[in-house]
C-alpha atoms as a PDB file:
ATOM      1  CA  MET A   1     -10.513   5.997  21.353  1.00  0.00           C
ATOM      2  CA  LEU A   2      -8.674   7.818  18.685  1.00  0.00           C
ATOM      3  CA  SER A   3      -4.611   6.744  17.842  1.00  0.00           C
ATOM      4  CA  VAL A   4      -2.562   9.171  15.784  1.00  0.00           C
ATOM      5  CA  VAL A   5       0.346   7.162  14.571  1.00  0.00           C
ATOM      6  CA  VAL A   6       3.185   9.095  13.663  1.00  0.00           C
ATOM      7  CA  PRO A   7       6.824   7.530  11.769  1.00  0.00           C
ATOM      8  CA  VAL A   8       9.839   9.331  12.560  1.00  0.00           C
ATOM      9  CA  TYR A   9      12.933   9.565  10.916  1.00  0.00           C
ATOM     10  CA  ASN A  10      15.604  12.179  11.762  1.00  0.00           C
ATOM     11  CA  GLU A  11      12.663  14.772  13.016  1.00  0.00           C
ATOM     12  CA  GLU A  12      14.335  16.125  16.010  1.00  0.00           C
ATOM     13  CA  ARG A  13      13.111  19.745  15.578  1.00  0.00           C
ATOM     14  CA  SER A  14       9.664  18.843  14.591  1.00  0.00           C
ATOM     15  CA  VAL A  15       8.317  16.156  17.024  1.00  0.00           C
ATOM     16  CA  GLU A  16       7.331  17.824  19.836  1.00  0.00           C
ATOM     17  CA  LEU A  17       5.734  21.366  17.925  1.00  0.00           C
ATOM     18  CA  LEU A  18       4.229  18.191  15.785  1.00  0.00           C
ATOM     19  CA  TYR A  19       2.374  16.854  19.581  1.00  0.00           C
ATOM     20  CA  ASP A  20       1.661  20.624  20.473  1.00  0.00           C
ATOM     21  CA  GLU A  21      -0.554  21.367  17.336  1.00  0.00           C
ATOM     22  CA  VAL A  22      -1.901  17.401  17.562  1.00  0.00           C
ATOM     23  CA  ALA A  23      -3.403  18.428  21.042  1.00  0.00           C
ATOM     24  CA  SER A  24      -4.664  21.474  20.030  1.00  0.00           C
ATOM     25  CA  ALA A  25      -6.935  19.975  16.897  1.00  0.00           C
ATOM     26  CA  LEU A  26      -7.693  17.089  19.420  1.00  0.00           C
ATOM     27  CA  ASP A  27      -8.520  18.266  22.865  1.00  0.00           C
ATOM     28  CA  PRO A  28     -11.921  20.459  21.409  1.00  0.00           C
ATOM     29  CA  LEU A  29     -13.278  17.216  20.488  1.00  0.00           C
ATOM     30  CA  GLY A  30     -13.685  15.998  23.973  1.00  0.00           C
ATOM     31  CA  ARG A  31     -12.442  12.178  23.187  1.00  0.00           C
ATOM     32  CA  ALA A  32      -9.802  10.407  24.754  1.00  0.00           C
ATOM     33  CA  TRP A  33      -6.871  10.173  21.810  1.00  0.00           C
ATOM     34  CA  GLU A  34      -3.053   8.793  21.726  1.00  0.00           C
ATOM     35  CA  VAL A  35      -0.326   9.729  19.719  1.00  0.00           C
ATOM     36  CA  VAL A  36       2.000   6.526  18.626  1.00  0.00           C
ATOM     37  CA  LEU A  37       5.521   7.906  17.648  1.00  0.00           C
ATOM     38  CA  VAL A  38       7.478   5.214  15.626  1.00  0.00           C
ATOM     39  CA  ASP A  39      11.428   6.165  15.902  1.00  0.00           C
ATOM     40  CA  ASP A  40      12.602   4.518  12.341  1.00  0.00           C
ATOM     41  CA  GLY A  41      16.002   4.185  13.468  1.00  0.00           C
ATOM     42  CA  SER A  42      16.938   7.764  13.810  1.00  0.00           C
ATOM     43  CA  THR A  43      20.591   9.094  13.547  1.00  0.00           C
ATOM     44  CA  ASP A  44      20.101  11.941  15.334  1.00  0.00           C
ATOM     45  CA  GLY A  45      18.247  13.050  18.673  1.00  0.00           C
ATOM     46  CA  SER A  46      14.884  12.347  17.685  1.00  0.00           C
ATOM     47  CA  PHE A  47      14.621   9.413  19.891  1.00  0.00           C
ATOM     48  CA  SER A  48      15.749  11.453  22.758  1.00  0.00           C
ATOM     49  CA  ALA A  49      12.919  14.275  21.657  1.00  0.00           C
ATOM     50  CA  LEU A  50      10.563  11.296  22.166  1.00  0.00           C
ATOM     51  CA  THR A  51      11.321  10.410  25.718  1.00  0.00           C
ATOM     52  CA  ARG A  52      11.028  13.836  26.817  1.00  0.00           C
ATOM     53  CA  LEU A  53       7.843  13.820  25.308  1.00  0.00           C
ATOM     54  CA  HIS A  54       6.817  10.669  26.415  1.00  0.00           C
ATOM     55  CA  ALA A  55       8.001  12.099  30.357  1.00  0.00           C
ATOM     56  CA  ARG A  56       5.583  14.910  29.981  1.00  0.00           C
ATOM     57  CA  ALA A  57       2.940  13.469  27.925  1.00  0.00           C
ATOM     58  CA  PRO A  58       1.115  10.683  29.702  1.00  0.00           C
ATOM     59  CA  ASN A  59      -1.008   9.735  26.087  1.00  0.00           C
ATOM     60  CA  VAL A  60       2.149   9.670  24.337  1.00  0.00           C
ATOM     61  CA  ARG A  61       3.568   5.842  23.487  1.00  0.00           C
ATOM     62  CA  VAL A  62       6.904   5.418  21.740  1.00  0.00           C
ATOM     63  CA  VAL A  63       8.205   2.584  19.817  1.00  0.00           C
ATOM     64  CA  ARG A  64      11.935   2.495  18.468  1.00  0.00           C
ATOM     65  CA  LEU A  65      13.272   0.249  15.389  1.00  0.00           C
ATOM     66  CA  ARG A  66      16.551  -1.425  15.589  1.00  0.00           C
ATOM     67  CA  ARG A  67      17.340   0.664  12.489  1.00  0.00           C
ATOM     68  CA  ASN A  68      15.766   2.196   9.698  1.00  0.00           C
ATOM     69  CA  PHE A  69      13.028  -0.141   7.881  1.00  0.00           C
ATOM     70  CA  GLY A  70      11.652   2.039   5.816  1.00  0.00           C
ATOM     71  CA  LYS A  71       7.837   4.023   6.250  1.00  0.00           C
ATOM     72  CA  ALA A  72       5.885   1.164   5.866  1.00  0.00           C
ATOM     73  CA  ALA A  73       7.598  -1.120   8.400  1.00  0.00           C
ATOM     74  CA  ALA A  74       7.170   1.966  11.007  1.00  0.00           C
ATOM     75  CA  LEU A  75       3.303   2.261  10.131  1.00  0.00           C
ATOM     76  CA  ALA A  76       2.864  -1.388  10.483  1.00  0.00           C
ATOM     77  CA  ALA A  77       4.627  -1.479  14.207  1.00  0.00           C
ATOM     78  CA  GLY A  78       2.802   2.041  14.976  1.00  0.00           C
ATOM     79  CA  PHE A  79      -0.774   0.070  14.039  1.00  0.00           C
ATOM     80  CA  ALA A  80      -0.004  -2.975  15.624  1.00  0.00           C
ATOM     81  CA  GLN A  81       0.409  -0.574  18.890  1.00  0.00           C
ATOM     82  CA  ALA A  82      -2.532   1.471  18.218  1.00  0.00           C
ATOM     83  CA  GLU A  83      -5.669   0.856  20.611  1.00  0.00           C
ATOM     84  CA  GLY A  84      -7.738   2.988  19.261  1.00  0.00           C
ATOM     85  CA  ASP A  85     -10.578   1.785  17.145  1.00  0.00           C
ATOM     86  CA  VAL A  86      -9.771   5.098  14.692  1.00  0.00           C
ATOM     87  CA  ILE A  87      -6.756   5.571  13.443  1.00  0.00           C
ATOM     88  CA  VAL A  88      -4.974   8.623  12.068  1.00  0.00           C
ATOM     89  CA  THR A  89      -1.692   9.120  10.343  1.00  0.00           C
ATOM     90  CA  ILE A  90       0.556  12.081   9.986  1.00  0.00           C
ATOM     91  CA  ASP A  91       4.239  12.609   8.866  1.00  0.00           C
ATOM     92  CA  ALA A  92       6.446  14.426  11.735  1.00  0.00           C
ATOM     93  CA  ASP A  93       8.116  16.658   9.260  1.00  0.00           C
ATOM     94  CA  GLY A  94       5.234  19.155   9.998  1.00  0.00           C
ATOM     95  CA  GLN A  95       4.193  19.293   6.556  1.00  0.00           C
ATOM     96  CA  ASP A  96       0.745  17.768   7.225  1.00  0.00           C
ATOM     97  CA  ASP A  97      -1.776  20.029   9.167  1.00  0.00           C
ATOM     98  CA  PRO A  98      -3.017  18.655  12.467  1.00  0.00           C
ATOM     99  CA  ALA A  99      -5.730  21.144  12.252  1.00  0.00           C
ATOM    100  CA  GLU A 100      -6.978  19.025   9.490  1.00  0.00           C
ATOM    101  CA  ILE A 101      -7.763  15.972  11.384  1.00  0.00           C
ATOM    102  CA  PRO A 102     -11.036  16.986  13.054  1.00  0.00           C
ATOM    103  CA  ARG A 103     -12.349  17.416   9.129  1.00  0.00           C
ATOM    104  CA  LEU A 104     -10.972  13.756   8.362  1.00  0.00           C
ATOM    105  CA  LEU A 105     -12.802  12.270  11.390  1.00  0.00           C
ATOM    106  CA  ALA A 106     -15.858  13.986  10.499  1.00  0.00           C
ATOM    107  CA  LYS A 107     -15.380  12.976   6.874  1.00  0.00           C
ATOM    108  CA  LEU A 108     -14.893   9.234   7.888  1.00  0.00           C
ATOM    109  CA  ASP A 109     -18.233   9.217  10.019  1.00  0.00           C
ATOM    110  CA  GLU A 110     -20.361   9.957   6.865  1.00  0.00           C
ATOM    111  CA  GLY A 111     -19.712   5.850   6.245  1.00  0.00           C
ATOM    112  CA  PHE A 112     -16.135   5.619   5.063  1.00  0.00           C
ATOM    113  CA  ASP A 113     -14.006   3.112   6.239  1.00  0.00           C
ATOM    114  CA  LEU A 114     -10.807   5.448   4.750  1.00  0.00           C
ATOM    115  CA  VAL A 115     -10.545   8.982   4.321  1.00  0.00           C
ATOM    116  CA  SER A 116      -7.174   9.951   2.676  1.00  0.00           C
ATOM    117  CA  GLY A 117      -5.946  13.557   2.323  1.00  0.00           C
ATOM    118  CA  TRP A 118      -5.272  15.503  -0.772  1.00  0.00           C
ATOM    119  CA  LYS A 119      -2.450  18.112  -0.937  1.00  0.00           C
ATOM    120  CA  THR A 120      -4.201  20.581  -3.207  1.00  0.00           C
ATOM    121  CA  CYS A 121      -2.020  23.322  -3.028  1.00  0.00           C
ATOM    122  CA  ARG A 122       1.550  20.932  -2.566  1.00  0.00           C
ATOM    123  CA  ARG A 123       4.040  23.216  -1.014  1.00  0.00           C
ATOM    124  CA  ASP A 124       6.941  21.027  -2.922  1.00  0.00           C
ATOM    125  CA  PRO A 125       9.572  21.632  -5.503  1.00  0.00           C
ATOM    126  CA  TRP A 126       7.762  21.343  -9.300  1.00  0.00           C
ATOM    127  CA  ARG A 127       9.711  17.875  -9.906  1.00  0.00           C
ATOM    128  CA  ARG A 128       8.184  16.296  -6.963  1.00  0.00           C
ATOM    129  CA  ARG A 129       4.905  17.644  -7.957  1.00  0.00           C
ATOM    130  CA  PHE A 130       5.073  16.636 -11.587  1.00  0.00           C
ATOM    131  CA  PHE A 131       5.982  13.245 -10.943  1.00  0.00           C
ATOM    132  CA  SER A 132       3.766  12.503  -8.310  1.00  0.00           C
ATOM    133  CA  ARG A 133       0.702  13.491 -10.537  1.00  0.00           C
ATOM    134  CA  VAL A 134       2.393  11.153 -13.110  1.00  0.00           C
ATOM    135  CA  PHE A 135       2.610   8.506 -10.451  1.00  0.00           C
ATOM    136  CA  ASN A 136      -0.971   8.777  -9.119  1.00  0.00           C
ATOM    137  CA  THR A 137      -2.070   9.022 -12.408  1.00  0.00           C
ATOM    138  CA  VAL A 138      -0.686   5.958 -13.282  1.00  0.00           C
ATOM    139  CA  THR A 139      -1.739   4.141 -10.039  1.00  0.00           C
ATOM    140  CA  GLY A 140      -5.258   5.072 -10.559  1.00  0.00           C
ATOM    141  CA  TRP A 141      -5.421   3.499 -13.999  1.00  0.00           C
ATOM    142  CA  ILE A 142      -3.845   0.209 -13.308  1.00  0.00           C
ATOM    143  CA  SER A 143      -5.633  -0.383 -10.117  1.00  0.00           C
ATOM    144  CA  GLY A 144      -9.189   1.470 -10.575  1.00  0.00           C
ATOM    145  CA  VAL A 145      -8.583   3.457  -7.604  1.00  0.00           C
ATOM    146  CA  ARG A 146      -9.077   7.199  -8.591  1.00  0.00           C
ATOM    147  CA  LEU A 147      -7.528   9.560  -5.830  1.00  0.00           C
ATOM    148  CA  HIS A 148      -5.597  12.507  -6.719  1.00  0.00           C
ATOM    149  CA  ASP A 149      -2.891  12.115  -4.117  1.00  0.00           C
ATOM    150  CA  MET A 150      -2.124   8.766  -3.131  1.00  0.00           C
ATOM    151  CA  ASN A 151       0.246   8.752  -0.954  1.00  0.00           C
ATOM    152  CA  CYS A 152      -0.527  11.573   1.322  1.00  0.00           C
ATOM    153  CA  GLY A 153       0.510  11.200   4.669  1.00  0.00           C
ATOM    154  CA  LEU A 154      -2.475  12.504   6.398  1.00  0.00           C
ATOM    155  CA  LYS A 155      -4.839   9.839   6.288  1.00  0.00           C
ATOM    156  CA  ALA A 156      -7.861   8.283   8.690  1.00  0.00           C
ATOM    157  CA  TYR A 157      -8.836   4.814   9.067  1.00  0.00           C
ATOM    158  CA  ARG A 158     -11.053   2.840  10.961  1.00  0.00           C
ATOM    159  CA  ALA A 159      -8.970   0.207  12.912  1.00  0.00           C
ATOM    160  CA  ASP A 160     -10.107  -3.129  11.212  1.00  0.00           C
ATOM    161  CA  VAL A 161      -8.735  -1.809   7.763  1.00  0.00           C
ATOM    162  CA  VAL A 162      -4.804  -1.698   9.070  1.00  0.00           C
ATOM    163  CA  LYS A 163      -5.251  -4.141  11.705  1.00  0.00           C
ATOM    164  CA  GLY A 164      -5.374  -7.102   8.867  1.00  0.00           C
ATOM    165  CA  LEU A 165      -2.762  -5.673   6.235  1.00  0.00           C
ATOM    166  CA  ALA A 166       0.915  -6.979   5.776  1.00  0.00           C
ATOM    167  CA  LEU A 167       2.841  -3.709   5.044  1.00  0.00           C
ATOM    168  CA  TYR A 168       6.483  -4.089   4.192  1.00  0.00           C
ATOM    169  CA  GLY A 169       8.546  -2.549   1.043  1.00  0.00           C
ATOM    170  CA  GLU A 170       6.900   0.461  -0.367  1.00  0.00           C
ATOM    171  CA  LEU A 171       3.435  -0.931   0.345  1.00  0.00           C
ATOM    172  CA  HIS A 172       2.480   1.984   2.439  1.00  0.00           C
ATOM    173  CA  ARG A 173       1.974   4.169  -0.771  1.00  0.00           C
ATOM    174  CA  PHE A 174      -1.073   2.135  -1.823  1.00  0.00           C
ATOM    175  CA  LEU A 175      -2.786   1.611   1.658  1.00  0.00           C
ATOM    176  CA  PRO A 176      -6.121   3.108  -0.539  1.00  0.00           C
ATOM    177  CA  VAL A 177      -5.427   0.224  -2.993  1.00  0.00           C
ATOM    178  CA  LEU A 178      -5.240  -2.526  -0.365  1.00  0.00           C
ATOM    179  CA  ALA A 179      -8.105  -1.347   1.479  1.00  0.00           C
ATOM    180  CA  PHE A 180     -10.586  -1.136  -1.730  1.00  0.00           C
ATOM    181  CA  GLU A 181      -9.490  -4.456  -2.850  1.00  0.00           C
ATOM    182  CA  ARG A 182     -10.656  -6.054   0.719  1.00  0.00           C
ATOM    183  CA  GLY A 183     -14.098  -4.074   0.017  1.00  0.00           C
ATOM    184  CA  TYR A 184     -13.675  -1.089   2.072  1.00  0.00           C
ATOM    185  CA  ARG A 185     -15.235   2.753   1.317  1.00  0.00           C
ATOM    186  CA  ILE A 186     -12.862   4.935   0.454  1.00  0.00           C
ATOM    187  CA  ALA A 187     -12.889   8.756   0.285  1.00  0.00           C
ATOM    188  CA  GLU A 188     -10.815  11.813  -0.087  1.00  0.00           C
ATOM    189  CA  LEU A 189     -10.632  15.632   1.279  1.00  0.00           C
ATOM    190  CA  PRO A 190      -8.763  18.350   0.503  1.00  0.00           C
ATOM    191  CA  VAL A 191      -6.389  19.402   3.660  1.00  0.00           C
ATOM    192  CA  ASN A 192      -3.680  21.967   3.865  1.00  0.00           C
ATOM    193  CA  HIS A 193      -0.059  21.768   3.043  1.00  0.00           C
ATOM    194  CA  ARG A 194       2.772  23.753   4.529  1.00  0.00           C
ATOM    195  CA  LEU A 195       6.067  24.559   3.584  1.00  0.00           C
ATOM    196  CA  ARG A 196       9.037  22.175   5.526  1.00  0.00           C
ATOM    197  CA  GLU A 197      10.861  24.198   8.325  1.00  0.00           C
ATOM    198  CA  HIS A 198      13.006  21.715   9.389  1.00  0.00           C
ATOM    199  CA  GLY A 199      15.231  19.138   8.448  1.00  0.00           C
ATOM    200  CA  ARG A 200      15.315  17.997   4.636  1.00  0.00           C
ATOM    201  CA  SER A 201      13.029  15.277   2.133  1.00  0.00           C
ATOM    202  CA  ARG A 202      14.843  12.001   2.424  1.00  0.00           C
ATOM    203  CA  TYR A 203      13.071  10.540  -1.082  1.00  0.00           C
ATOM    204  CA  GLY A 204      14.192  10.857  -4.351  1.00  0.00           C
ATOM    205  CA  LEU A 205      13.041   9.804  -7.787  1.00  0.00           C
ATOM    206  CA  GLU A 206      13.887   6.213  -7.421  1.00  0.00           C
ATOM    207  CA  ARG A 207      10.798   5.944  -5.078  1.00  0.00           C
ATOM    208  CA  TYR A 208       8.645   5.749  -7.886  1.00  0.00           C
ATOM    209  CA  LEU A 209      10.873   3.225  -9.852  1.00  0.00           C
ATOM    210  CA  ARG A 210      10.140   1.495  -6.582  1.00  0.00           C
ATOM    211  CA  GLY A 211       6.387   1.888  -6.135  1.00  0.00           C
ATOM    212  CA  PHE A 212       6.084   0.925  -9.816  1.00  0.00           C
ATOM    213  CA  PHE A 213       7.054  -2.641  -8.999  1.00  0.00           C
ATOM    214  CA  ASP A 214       5.225  -2.215  -5.927  1.00  0.00           C
ATOM    215  CA  LEU A 215       2.225  -1.250  -7.897  1.00  0.00           C
ATOM    216  CA  ILE A 216       2.329  -4.551  -9.783  1.00  0.00           C
ATOM    217  CA  THR A 217       2.530  -6.603  -6.517  1.00  0.00           C
ATOM    218  CA  VAL A 218      -0.455  -4.990  -5.372  1.00  0.00           C
ATOM    219  CA  THR A 219      -2.510  -5.210  -8.255  1.00  0.00           C
ATOM    220  CA  PHE A 220      -1.553  -8.731  -8.623  1.00  0.00           C
ATOM    221  CA  MET A 221      -2.442 -10.032  -4.898  1.00  0.00           C
ATOM    222  CA  GLY A 222      -5.369  -7.677  -5.355  1.00  0.00           C
ATOM    223  CA  ARG A 223      -7.019  -9.038  -8.545  1.00  0.00           C
ATOM    224  CA  TYR A 224      -5.717 -12.298  -9.017  1.00  0.00           C
ATOM    225  CA  ARG A 225      -4.369 -13.864  -6.069  1.00  0.00           C
ATOM    226  CA  HIS A 226      -7.182 -16.216  -5.104  1.00  0.00           C
ATOM    227  CA  ARG A 227      -7.522 -16.764  -9.632  1.00  0.00           C
ATOM    228  CA  PRO A 228      -3.924 -16.785 -10.810  1.00  0.00           C
ATOM    229  CA  LEU A 229      -4.989 -18.862 -13.683  1.00  0.00           C
ATOM    230  CA  HIS A 230      -6.932 -15.794 -15.309  1.00  0.00           C
ATOM    231  CA  LEU A 231      -3.984 -14.148 -15.465  1.00  0.00           C
ATOM    232  CA  PHE A 232      -1.267 -16.292 -16.219  1.00  0.00           C
ATOM    233  CA  GLY A 233      -3.915 -18.887 -18.595  1.00  0.00           C
ATOM    234  CA  GLY A 234      -5.248 -15.411 -20.712  1.00  0.00           C
ATOM    235  CA  LEU A 235      -1.532 -14.734 -21.062  1.00  0.00           C
ATOM    236  CA  GLY A 236      -0.382 -18.211 -22.036  1.00  0.00           C
ATOM    237  CA  LEU A 237      -3.978 -18.795 -24.469  1.00  0.00           C
ATOM    238  CA  ALA A 238      -2.972 -15.283 -26.389  1.00  0.00           C
ATOM    239  CA  LEU A 239       0.732 -16.616 -26.937  1.00  0.00           C
ATOM    240  CA  GLY A 240      -0.109 -19.872 -27.852  1.00  0.00           C
ATOM    241  CA  GLY A 241      -2.863 -19.021 -29.781  1.00  0.00           C
ATOM    242  CA  ILE A 242      -0.606 -16.891 -31.875  1.00  0.00           C
ATOM    243  CA  GLY A 243       1.924 -18.936 -31.953  1.00  0.00           C
ATOM    244  CA  LEU A 244      -0.585 -21.570 -33.683  1.00  0.00           C
ATOM    245  CA  VAL A 245      -1.552 -19.173 -36.373  1.00  0.00           C
ATOM    246  CA  VAL A 246       1.903 -18.583 -37.102  1.00  0.00           C
ATOM    247  CA  CYS A 247       2.412 -22.250 -37.385  1.00  0.00           C
ATOM    248  CA  LEU A 248      -0.878 -23.358 -39.422  1.00  0.00           C
ATOM    249  CA  TYR A 249       0.168 -20.303 -42.100  1.00  0.00           C
ATOM    250  CA  LEU A 250       3.769 -22.150 -42.225  1.00  0.00           C
ATOM    251  CA  THR A 251       2.078 -25.295 -42.475  1.00  0.00           C
ATOM    252  CA  VAL A 252      -0.116 -24.438 -45.473  1.00  0.00           C
ATOM    253  CA  LEU A 253       3.178 -22.662 -47.212  1.00  0.00           C
ATOM    254  CA  TRP A 254       5.293 -26.094 -46.483  1.00  0.00           C
ATOM    255  CA  LEU A 255       2.033 -28.398 -48.059  1.00  0.00           C
ATOM    256  CA  SER A 256       2.165 -25.751 -51.148  1.00  0.00           C
ATOM    257  CA  GLY A 257       5.888 -26.836 -51.450  1.00  0.00           C
ATOM    258  CA  SER A 258       7.764 -24.097 -50.062  1.00  0.00           C
ATOM    259  CA  ALA A 259      10.768 -24.332 -48.061  1.00  0.00           C
ATOM    260  CA  ILE A 260      10.119 -23.258 -44.490  1.00  0.00           C
ATOM    261  CA  GLY A 261      13.223 -24.725 -42.176  1.00  0.00           C
ATOM    262  CA  HIS A 262      15.174 -21.503 -42.914  1.00  0.00           C
ATOM    263  CA  ARG A 263      12.719 -19.274 -41.923  1.00  0.00           C
ATOM    264  CA  PRO A 264      12.805 -17.111 -38.648  1.00  0.00           C
ATOM    265  CA  LEU A 265       8.855 -16.818 -38.595  1.00  0.00           C
ATOM    266  CA  LEU A 266       8.935 -21.054 -37.842  1.00  0.00           C
ATOM    267  CA  THR A 267      11.323 -20.632 -34.699  1.00  0.00           C
ATOM    268  CA  LEU A 268       9.293 -17.605 -33.321  1.00  0.00           C
ATOM    269  CA  GLY A 269       6.052 -19.737 -34.059  1.00  0.00           C
ATOM    270  CA  VAL A 270       7.873 -22.611 -32.006  1.00  0.00           C
ATOM    271  CA  LEU A 271       8.666 -20.220 -29.388  1.00  0.00           C
ATOM    272  CA  LEU A 272       5.169 -18.452 -28.601  1.00  0.00           C
ATOM    273  CA  VAL A 273       3.524 -21.830 -28.615  1.00  0.00           C
ATOM    274  CA  VAL A 274       6.359 -23.333 -26.080  1.00  0.00           C
ATOM    275  CA  VAL A 275       6.001 -20.073 -23.659  1.00  0.00           C
ATOM    276  CA  GLY A 276       1.893 -20.217 -24.012  1.00  0.00           C
ATOM    277  CA  MET A 277       2.268 -23.451 -22.195  1.00  0.00           C
ATOM    278  CA  GLN A 278       4.590 -22.739 -19.870  1.00  0.00           C
ATOM    279  CA  PHE A 279       1.927 -19.730 -18.675  1.00  0.00           C
ATOM    280  CA  LEU A 280      -0.564 -21.957 -18.920  1.00  0.00           C
ATOM    281  CA  SER A 281       1.085 -24.826 -16.909  1.00  0.00           C
ATOM    282  CA  LEU A 282       2.151 -21.872 -14.438  1.00  0.00           C
ATOM    283  CA  GLY A 283      -1.236 -20.829 -13.857  1.00  0.00           C
ATOM    284  CA  LEU A 284      -2.618 -24.329 -12.921  1.00  0.00           C
ATOM    285  CA  ILE A 285       0.230 -24.760 -10.609  1.00  0.00           C
ATOM    286  CA  GLY A 286      -0.974 -21.706  -9.031  1.00  0.00           C
ATOM    287  CA  GLU A 287      -4.319 -22.574  -8.830  1.00  0.00           C
ATOM    288  CA  MET A 288      -3.416 -25.745  -7.360  1.00  0.00           C
ATOM    289  CA  ILE A 289      -1.434 -23.926  -4.543  1.00  0.00           C
ATOM    290  CA  THR A 290      -4.211 -21.372  -3.705  1.00  0.00           C
ATOM    291  CA  THR A 291      -6.629 -24.298  -3.927  1.00  0.00           C
ATOM    292  CA  HIS A 292      -4.487 -26.030  -1.147  1.00  0.00           C
ATOM    293  CA  HIS A 293      -4.289 -22.889   0.940  1.00  0.00           C
ATOM    294  CA  GLU A 294      -7.889 -22.365   1.106  1.00  0.00           C
ATOM    295  CA  GLU A 295      -8.595 -25.803   2.006  1.00  0.00           C
ATOM    296  CA  ARG A 296      -6.290 -25.369   4.504  1.00  0.00           C
ATOM    297  CA  ALA A 297      -7.617 -22.445   6.264  1.00  0.00           C
ATOM    298  CA  LEU A 298     -11.115 -23.879   5.485  1.00  0.00           C
ATOM    299  CA  GLU A 299      -9.962 -26.754   7.762  1.00  0.00           C
ATOM    300  CA  ARG A 300      -8.542 -24.586  10.437  1.00  0.00           C
ATOM    301  CA  GLY A 301     -11.467 -22.542  10.730  1.00  0.00           C
ATOM    302  CA  ARG A 302     -13.815 -25.416  11.470  1.00  0.00           C
ATOM    303  CA  ASP A 303     -11.129 -26.506  14.230  1.00  0.00           C
ATOM    304  CA  GLU A 304     -11.464 -23.476  15.847  1.00  0.00           C
ATOM    305  CA  LEU A 305     -15.065 -23.599  15.955  1.00  0.00           C
ATOM    306  CA  HIS A 306     -15.510 -27.044  16.990  1.00  0.00           C
ATOM    307  CA  VAL A 307     -13.035 -25.891  20.308  1.00  0.00           C
ATOM    308  CA  ASP A 308     -15.511 -22.866  20.601  1.00  0.00           C
ATOM    309  CA  GLU A 309     -18.264 -25.114  20.969  1.00  0.00           C
ATOM    310  CA  ILE A 310     -16.512 -27.210  23.723  1.00  0.00           C
ATOM    311  CA  LEU A 311     -15.204 -24.161  25.616  1.00  0.00           C
ATOM    312  CA  SER A 312     -19.064 -23.053  25.579  1.00  0.00           C
END
């Protein structure tokens, strides 16, 4: 089974055309497939269009969110309802080409767990292309996942990649990073990108600022979730070490007879030592919380194993 998850927001004129194109791309493959359309609180006639599509196509499933929660929540809802062992995501605006789906699936069969599309010839205004390139470069530098187009809506996943992910905020932009941190194999494939024929883009430049904060969240949770002392302790030792050197320098001056009480450097040195100790303490507290959580998870796993043995 192949599941195609499509987040929809005010795309009344595009959804039926998109389904027809998906059908043209997938029917020749000779495998069962479904489309999960998630209405993310549309304010136009999108839900009516989805209802009509569901009535004429038995392999169409429709999920309706109470209001507009954002693309991450829409994808999470679609992933939860998808029944396929392979999941493809595609945007509903018609810019992603469904004819590329078989190529993504073929790349997935080479042994990868996630294949991300790369819009090599992007049909968007130059400002979006420029800021997208900067965003992808910074994301690759910080996360270590080197993709040309991190936020391409056209992707193929094995189902176990996305089933365990908690998506919220703007984290849908970093699905390859989240998968990479869990040890999955990532690949990228150039795909066709088309001009938008209906509707308009609802993404502004502010999304890149939100994306930067989410990148910090993803990086921290991926690298330091189970070892917070390595981050906070490192910062604490660095700041505290600098403060200690400053204080030792001022101590030497004081022993030589110089007055140091009026020097701003004294305040800086003491402040760095105190802040360093606070970071170190924060890291230790984080380690205590992480250890407690891991111990509780281990106890729950043992209880479940014990129950399995009894039931067998």
